[in-house]
Amino acid sequence: MIKVVRGNPTPEELAAALAVVRARAAAAAALPSGAAAAKDSWADPARIAGSRVPHPGPAAWTRTYWPS
């Protein structure tokens, strides 16, 4: 059961949201049991860090995570 908590969606908006939920549920059901879900590349730390390694020095701690 889906319940709208806020707002006043049109029937078309509600149908679109329900279609997305049903498509995701169908895709999850289509996976064989025990199969690992595909990793999302958005959450991959290598996307942010890349291959750059900070060089040692007095301000090296500022370059440990975000590449500049």
PDB file of N, CA and C in Angstrom:
ATOM      1  N   MET A   1       0.841  -1.164   0.000  1.00  0.00           N
ATOM      2  CA  MET A   1       0.000   0.000   0.000  1.00  0.00           C
ATOM      3  C   MET A   1       0.894   1.238   0.000  1.00  0.00           C
ATOM      4  N   ILE A   2       0.540   2.195  -0.798  1.00  0.00           N
ATOM      5  CA  ILE A   2       1.281   3.442  -0.878  1.00  0.00           C
ATOM      6  C   ILE A   2       0.390   4.551  -0.344  1.00  0.00           C
ATOM      7  N   LYS A   3       0.981   5.400   0.484  1.00  0.00           N
ATOM      8  CA  LYS A   3       0.228   6.483   1.104  1.00  0.00           C
ATOM      9  C   LYS A   3       0.942   7.799   0.822  1.00  0.00           C
ATOM     10  N   VAL A   4       0.204   8.793   0.351  1.00  0.00           N
ATOM     11  CA  VAL A   4       0.759  10.121   0.115  1.00  0.00           C
ATOM     12  C   VAL A   4       0.694  10.877   1.428  1.00  0.00           C
ATOM     13  N   VAL A   5       1.864  11.280   1.936  1.00  0.00           N
ATOM     14  CA  VAL A   5       1.939  11.945   3.229  1.00  0.00           C
ATOM     15  C   VAL A   5       1.841  13.455   3.063  1.00  0.00           C
ATOM     16  N   ARG A   6       2.473  13.983   2.031  1.00  0.00           N
ATOM     17  CA  ARG A   6       2.455  15.424   1.783  1.00  0.00           C
ATOM     18  C   ARG A   6       2.162  15.698   0.330  1.00  0.00           C
ATOM     19  N   GLY A   7       1.615  16.853   0.092  1.00  0.00           N
ATOM     20  CA  GLY A   7       1.366  17.274  -1.274  1.00  0.00           C
ATOM     21  C   GLY A   7       0.049  16.749  -1.801  1.00  0.00           C
ATOM     22  N   ASN A   8      -0.220  17.116  -3.024  1.00  0.00           N
ATOM     23  CA  ASN A   8      -1.451  16.710  -3.680  1.00  0.00           C
ATOM     24  C   ASN A   8      -1.104  16.286  -5.103  1.00  0.00           C
ATOM     25  N   PRO A   9      -0.597  15.055  -5.282  1.00  0.00           N
ATOM     26  CA  PRO A   9      -0.161  14.636  -6.612  1.00  0.00           C
ATOM     27  C   PRO A   9      -1.357  14.435  -7.545  1.00  0.00           C
ATOM     28  N   THR A  10      -1.118  14.708  -8.806  1.00  0.00           N
ATOM     29  CA  THR A  10      -2.141  14.441  -9.812  1.00  0.00           C
ATOM     30  C   THR A  10      -2.181  12.938 -10.048  1.00  0.00           C
ATOM     31  N   PRO A  11      -3.260  12.440 -10.630  1.00  0.00           N
ATOM     32  CA  PRO A  11      -3.297  10.998 -10.931  1.00  0.00           C
ATOM     33  C   PRO A  11      -2.139  10.549 -11.825  1.00  0.00           C
ATOM     34  N   GLU A  12      -1.691  11.413 -12.723  1.00  0.00           N
ATOM     35  CA  GLU A  12      -0.574  11.054 -13.603  1.00  0.00           C
ATOM     36  C   GLU A  12       0.732  10.946 -12.816  1.00  0.00           C
ATOM     37  N   GLU A  13       0.966  11.877 -11.884  1.00  0.00           N
ATOM     38  CA  GLU A  13       2.174  11.831 -11.063  1.00  0.00           C
ATOM     39  C   GLU A  13       2.174  10.593 -10.171  1.00  0.00           C
ATOM     40  N   LEU A  14       1.033  10.274  -9.618  1.00  0.00           N
ATOM     41  CA  LEU A  14       0.922   9.091  -8.768  1.00  0.00           C
ATOM     42  C   LEU A  14       1.146   7.815  -9.577  1.00  0.00           C
ATOM     43  N   ALA A  15       0.610   7.775 -10.794  1.00  0.00           N
ATOM     44  CA  ALA A  15       0.811   6.613 -11.661  1.00  0.00           C
ATOM     45  C   ALA A  15       2.272   6.464 -12.047  1.00  0.00           C
ATOM     46  N   ALA A  16       2.954   7.581 -12.301  1.00  0.00           N
ATOM     47  CA  ALA A  16       4.373   7.518 -12.655  1.00  0.00           C
ATOM     48  C   ALA A  16       5.202   7.005 -11.484  1.00  0.00           C
ATOM     49  N   ALA A  17       4.909   7.487 -10.282  1.00  0.00           N
ATOM     50  CA  ALA A  17       5.647   7.028  -9.102  1.00  0.00           C
ATOM     51  C   ALA A  17       5.397   5.540  -8.861  1.00  0.00           C
ATOM     52  N   LEU A  18       4.174   5.113  -9.026  1.00  0.00           N
ATOM     53  CA  LEU A  18       3.849   3.701  -8.829  1.00  0.00           C
ATOM     54  C   LEU A  18       4.518   2.830  -9.886  1.00  0.00           C
ATOM     55  N   ALA A  19       4.619   3.329 -11.118  1.00  0.00           N
ATOM     56  CA  ALA A  19       5.286   2.565 -12.175  1.00  0.00           C
ATOM     57  C   ALA A  19       6.761   2.357 -11.851  1.00  0.00           C
ATOM     58  N   VAL A  20       7.401   3.371 -11.289  1.00  0.00           N
ATOM     59  CA  VAL A  20       8.813   3.252 -10.916  1.00  0.00           C
ATOM     60  C   VAL A  20       8.983   2.232  -9.799  1.00  0.00           C
ATOM     61  N   VAL A  21       8.111   2.289  -8.800  1.00  0.00           N
ATOM     62  CA  VAL A  21       8.200   1.351  -7.680  1.00  0.00           C
ATOM     63  C   VAL A  21       7.976  -0.070  -8.168  1.00  0.00           C
ATOM     64  N   ARG A  22       6.996  -0.266  -9.035  1.00  0.00           N
ATOM     65  CA  ARG A  22       6.719  -1.620  -9.546  1.00  0.00           C
ATOM     66  C   ARG A  22       7.857  -2.127 -10.428  1.00  0.00           C
ATOM     67  N   ALA A  23       8.472  -1.243 -11.219  1.00  0.00           N
ATOM     68  CA  ALA A  23       9.590  -1.664 -12.068  1.00  0.00           C
ATOM     69  C   ALA A  23      10.789  -2.069 -11.225  1.00  0.00           C
ATOM     70  N   ARG A  24      11.068  -1.318 -10.161  1.00  0.00           N
ATOM     71  CA  ARG A  24      12.178  -1.679  -9.273  1.00  0.00           C
ATOM     72  C   ARG A  24      11.913  -3.015  -8.580  1.00  0.00           C
ATOM     73  N   ALA A  25      10.670  -3.224  -8.153  1.00  0.00           N
ATOM     74  CA  ALA A  25      10.325  -4.487  -7.492  1.00  0.00           C
ATOM     75  C   ALA A  25      10.439  -5.654  -8.465  1.00  0.00           C
ATOM     76  N   ALA A  26      10.026  -5.451  -9.706  1.00  0.00           N
ATOM     77  CA  ALA A  26      10.140  -6.515 -10.706  1.00  0.00           C
ATOM     78  C   ALA A  26      11.593  -6.827 -11.018  1.00  0.00           C
ATOM     79  N   ALA A  27      12.434  -5.800 -11.083  1.00  0.00           N
ATOM     80  CA  ALA A  27      13.855  -6.029 -11.349  1.00  0.00           C
ATOM     81  C   ALA A  27      14.516  -6.771 -10.199  1.00  0.00           C
ATOM     82  N   ALA A  28      14.131  -6.440  -8.971  1.00  0.00           N
ATOM     83  CA  ALA A  28      14.699  -7.130  -7.810  1.00  0.00           C
ATOM     84  C   ALA A  28      14.225  -8.576  -7.763  1.00  0.00           C
ATOM     85  N   ALA A  29      12.988  -8.818  -8.157  1.00  0.00           N
ATOM     86  CA  ALA A  29      12.459 -10.184  -8.147  1.00  0.00           C
ATOM     87  C   ALA A  29      13.073 -11.032  -9.258  1.00  0.00           C
ATOM     88  N   ALA A  30      13.546 -10.391 -10.330  1.00  0.00           N
ATOM     89  CA  ALA A  30      14.112 -11.129 -11.454  1.00  0.00           C
ATOM     90  C   ALA A  30      15.517 -11.645 -11.166  1.00  0.00           C
ATOM     91  N   LEU A  31      16.189 -11.093 -10.161  1.00  0.00           N
ATOM     92  CA  LEU A  31      17.523 -11.570  -9.805  1.00  0.00           C
ATOM     93  C   LEU A  31      17.430 -12.964  -9.205  1.00  0.00           C
ATOM     94  N   PRO A  32      18.327 -13.851  -9.577  1.00  0.00           N
ATOM     95  CA  PRO A  32      18.323 -15.175  -8.943  1.00  0.00           C
ATOM     96  C   PRO A  32      18.651 -15.039  -7.451  1.00  0.00           C
ATOM     97  N   SER A  33      18.089 -15.931  -6.663  1.00  0.00           N
ATOM     98  CA  SER A  33      18.356 -15.854  -5.222  1.00  0.00           C
ATOM     99  C   SER A  33      19.839 -16.084  -4.973  1.00  0.00           C
ATOM    100  N   GLY A  34      20.410 -15.258  -4.101  1.00  0.00           N
ATOM    101  CA  GLY A  34      21.817 -15.359  -3.784  1.00  0.00           C
ATOM    102  C   GLY A  34      22.707 -14.538  -4.701  1.00  0.00           C
ATOM    103  N   ALA A  35      22.148 -13.975  -5.764  1.00  0.00           N
ATOM    104  CA  ALA A  35      22.960 -13.155  -6.665  1.00  0.00           C
ATOM    105  C   ALA A  35      23.197 -11.795  -6.037  1.00  0.00           C
ATOM    106  N   ALA A  36      24.395 -11.314  -6.182  1.00  0.00           N
ATOM    107  CA  ALA A  36      24.728  -9.998  -5.637  1.00  0.00           C
ATOM    108  C   ALA A  36      24.162  -8.916  -6.544  1.00  0.00           C
ATOM    109  N   ALA A  37      23.668  -7.871  -5.942  1.00  0.00           N
ATOM    110  CA  ALA A  37      23.161  -6.754  -6.715  1.00  0.00           C
ATOM    111  C   ALA A  37      24.332  -6.010  -7.364  1.00  0.00           C
ATOM    112  N   ALA A  38      24.088  -5.398  -8.497  1.00  0.00           N
ATOM    113  CA  ALA A  38      25.133  -4.657  -9.191  1.00  0.00           C
ATOM    114  C   ALA A  38      25.547  -3.452  -8.359  1.00  0.00           C
ATOM    115  N   LYS A  39      26.853  -3.205  -8.288  1.00  0.00           N
ATOM    116  CA  LYS A  39      27.336  -2.056  -7.535  1.00  0.00           C
ATOM    117  C   LYS A  39      27.011  -0.780  -8.286  1.00  0.00           C
ATOM    118  N   ASP A  40      26.604   0.191  -7.553  1.00  0.00           N
ATOM    119  CA  ASP A  40      26.313   1.484  -8.129  1.00  0.00           C
ATOM    120  C   ASP A  40      27.609   2.273  -8.237  1.00  0.00           C
ATOM    121  N   SER A  41      27.935   2.732  -9.429  1.00  0.00           N
ATOM    122  CA  SER A  41      29.199   3.448  -9.604  1.00  0.00           C
ATOM    123  C   SER A  41      29.190   4.797  -8.905  1.00  0.00           C
ATOM    124  N   TRP A  42      28.014   5.314  -8.573  1.00  0.00           N
ATOM    125  CA  TRP A  42      27.942   6.594  -7.875  1.00  0.00           C
ATOM    126  C   TRP A  42      28.577   6.492  -6.493  1.00  0.00           C
ATOM    127  N   ALA A  43      28.476   5.357  -5.845  1.00  0.00           N
ATOM    128  CA  ALA A  43      29.006   5.182  -4.501  1.00  0.00           C
ATOM    129  C   ALA A  43      30.461   4.714  -4.495  1.00  0.00           C
ATOM    130  N   ASP A  44      31.051   4.545  -5.657  1.00  0.00           N
ATOM    131  CA  ASP A  44      32.417   4.052  -5.741  1.00  0.00           C
ATOM    132  C   ASP A  44      33.405   5.131  -5.311  1.00  0.00           C
ATOM    133  N   PRO A  45      34.210   4.892  -4.268  1.00  0.00           N
ATOM    134  CA  PRO A  45      35.169   5.901  -3.822  1.00  0.00           C
ATOM    135  C   PRO A  45      36.215   6.243  -4.877  1.00  0.00           C
ATOM    136  N   ALA A  46      36.503   5.319  -5.775  1.00  0.00           N
ATOM    137  CA  ALA A  46      37.502   5.585  -6.810  1.00  0.00           C
ATOM    138  C   ALA A  46      37.032   6.670  -7.765  1.00  0.00           C
ATOM    139  N   ARG A  47      35.726   6.884  -7.850  1.00  0.00           N
ATOM    140  CA  ARG A  47      35.197   7.935  -8.711  1.00  0.00           C
ATOM    141  C   ARG A  47      35.661   9.300  -8.232  1.00  0.00           C
ATOM    142  N   ILE A  48      35.747   9.468  -6.923  1.00  0.00           N
ATOM    143  CA  ILE A  48      36.142  10.753  -6.350  1.00  0.00           C
ATOM    144  C   ILE A  48      37.666  10.848  -6.252  1.00  0.00           C
ATOM    145  N   ALA A  49      38.281   9.828  -5.695  1.00  0.00           N
ATOM    146  CA  ALA A  49      39.710   9.887  -5.416  1.00  0.00           C
ATOM    147  C   ALA A  49      40.555   9.721  -6.670  1.00  0.00           C
ATOM    148  N   GLY A  50      40.097   8.921  -7.606  1.00  0.00           N
ATOM    149  CA  GLY A  50      40.887   8.678  -8.804  1.00  0.00           C
ATOM    150  C   GLY A  50      42.153   7.925  -8.468  1.00  0.00           C
ATOM    151  N   SER A  51      43.205   8.209  -9.157  1.00  0.00           N
ATOM    152  CA  SER A  51      44.457   7.490  -8.913  1.00  0.00           C
ATOM    153  C   SER A  51      45.527   8.388  -8.304  1.00  0.00           C
ATOM    154  N   ARG A  52      45.169   9.613  -7.971  1.00  0.00           N
ATOM    155  CA  ARG A  52      46.152  10.528  -7.397  1.00  0.00           C
ATOM    156  C   ARG A  52      46.437  10.173  -5.941  1.00  0.00           C
ATOM    157  N   VAL A  53      47.679  10.180  -5.592  1.00  0.00           N
ATOM    158  CA  VAL A  53      48.104   9.904  -4.224  1.00  0.00           C
ATOM    159  C   VAL A  53      48.695  11.199  -3.666  1.00  0.00           C
ATOM    160  N   PRO A  54      48.298  11.609  -2.452  1.00  0.00           N
ATOM    161  CA  PRO A  54      48.869  12.847  -1.913  1.00  0.00           C
ATOM    162  C   PRO A  54      50.359  12.697  -1.647  1.00  0.00           C
ATOM    163  N   HIS A  55      51.083  13.759  -1.909  1.00  0.00           N
ATOM    164  CA  HIS A  55      52.519  13.765  -1.663  1.00  0.00           C
ATOM    165  C   HIS A  55      52.775  14.194  -0.224  1.00  0.00           C
ATOM    166  N   PRO A  56      53.779  13.636   0.411  1.00  0.00           N
ATOM    167  CA  PRO A  56      54.072  14.011   1.787  1.00  0.00           C
ATOM    168  C   PRO A  56      54.453  15.482   1.880  1.00  0.00           C
ATOM    169  N   GLY A  57      54.166  16.062   3.015  1.00  0.00           N
ATOM    170  CA  GLY A  57      54.511  17.459   3.243  1.00  0.00           C
ATOM    171  C   GLY A  57      53.693  18.021   4.393  1.00  0.00           C
ATOM    172  N   PRO A  58      53.919  19.275   4.745  1.00  0.00           N
ATOM    173  CA  PRO A  58      53.237  19.861   5.893  1.00  0.00           C
ATOM    174  C   PRO A  58      51.720  19.921   5.732  1.00  0.00           C
ATOM    175  N   ALA A  59      51.225  20.064   4.522  1.00  0.00           N
ATOM    176  CA  ALA A  59      49.775  20.179   4.325  1.00  0.00           C
ATOM    177  C   ALA A  59      49.194  18.927   3.665  1.00  0.00           C
ATOM    178  N   ALA A  60      49.877  17.792   3.791  1.00  0.00           N
ATOM    179  CA  ALA A  60      49.414  16.576   3.133  1.00  0.00           C
ATOM    180  C   ALA A  60      48.059  16.117   3.648  1.00  0.00           C
ATOM    181  N   TRP A  61      47.750  16.410   4.891  1.00  0.00           N
ATOM    182  CA  TRP A  61      46.468  15.975   5.448  1.00  0.00           C
ATOM    183  C   TRP A  61      45.305  16.655   4.735  1.00  0.00           C
ATOM    184  N   THR A  62      45.517  17.814   4.121  1.00  0.00           N
ATOM    185  CA  THR A  62      44.428  18.494   3.425  1.00  0.00           C
ATOM    186  C   THR A  62      44.137  17.862   2.078  1.00  0.00           C
ATOM    187  N   ARG A  63      45.052  17.058   1.545  1.00  0.00           N
ATOM    188  CA  ARG A  63      44.875  16.439   0.242  1.00  0.00           C
ATOM    189  C   ARG A  63      44.590  14.953   0.346  1.00  0.00           C
ATOM    190  N   THR A  64      44.215  14.449   1.505  1.00  0.00           N
ATOM    191  CA  THR A  64      44.037  13.005   1.651  1.00  0.00           C
ATOM    192  C   THR A  64      42.746  12.495   1.052  1.00  0.00           C
ATOM    193  N   TYR A  65      41.743  13.324   0.876  1.00  0.00           N
ATOM    194  CA  TYR A  65      40.483  12.799   0.350  1.00  0.00           C
ATOM    195  C   TYR A  65      40.058  13.472  -0.949  1.00  0.00           C
ATOM    196  N   TRP A  66      39.901  14.779  -0.937  1.00  0.00           N
ATOM    197  CA  TRP A  66      39.392  15.477  -2.124  1.00  0.00           C
ATOM    198  C   TRP A  66      40.550  15.892  -3.014  1.00  0.00           C
ATOM    199  N   PRO A  67      40.536  15.432  -4.274  1.00  0.00           N
ATOM    200  CA  PRO A  67      41.580  15.877  -5.185  1.00  0.00           C
ATOM    201  C   PRO A  67      41.368  17.340  -5.546  1.00  0.00           C
ATOM    202  N   SER A  68      42.440  18.052  -5.753  1.00  0.00           N
ATOM    203  CA  SER A  68      42.295  19.477  -6.094  1.00  0.00           C
ATOM    204  C   SER A  68      42.731  19.742  -7.507  1.00  0.00           C
TER     205      SER A  68
END
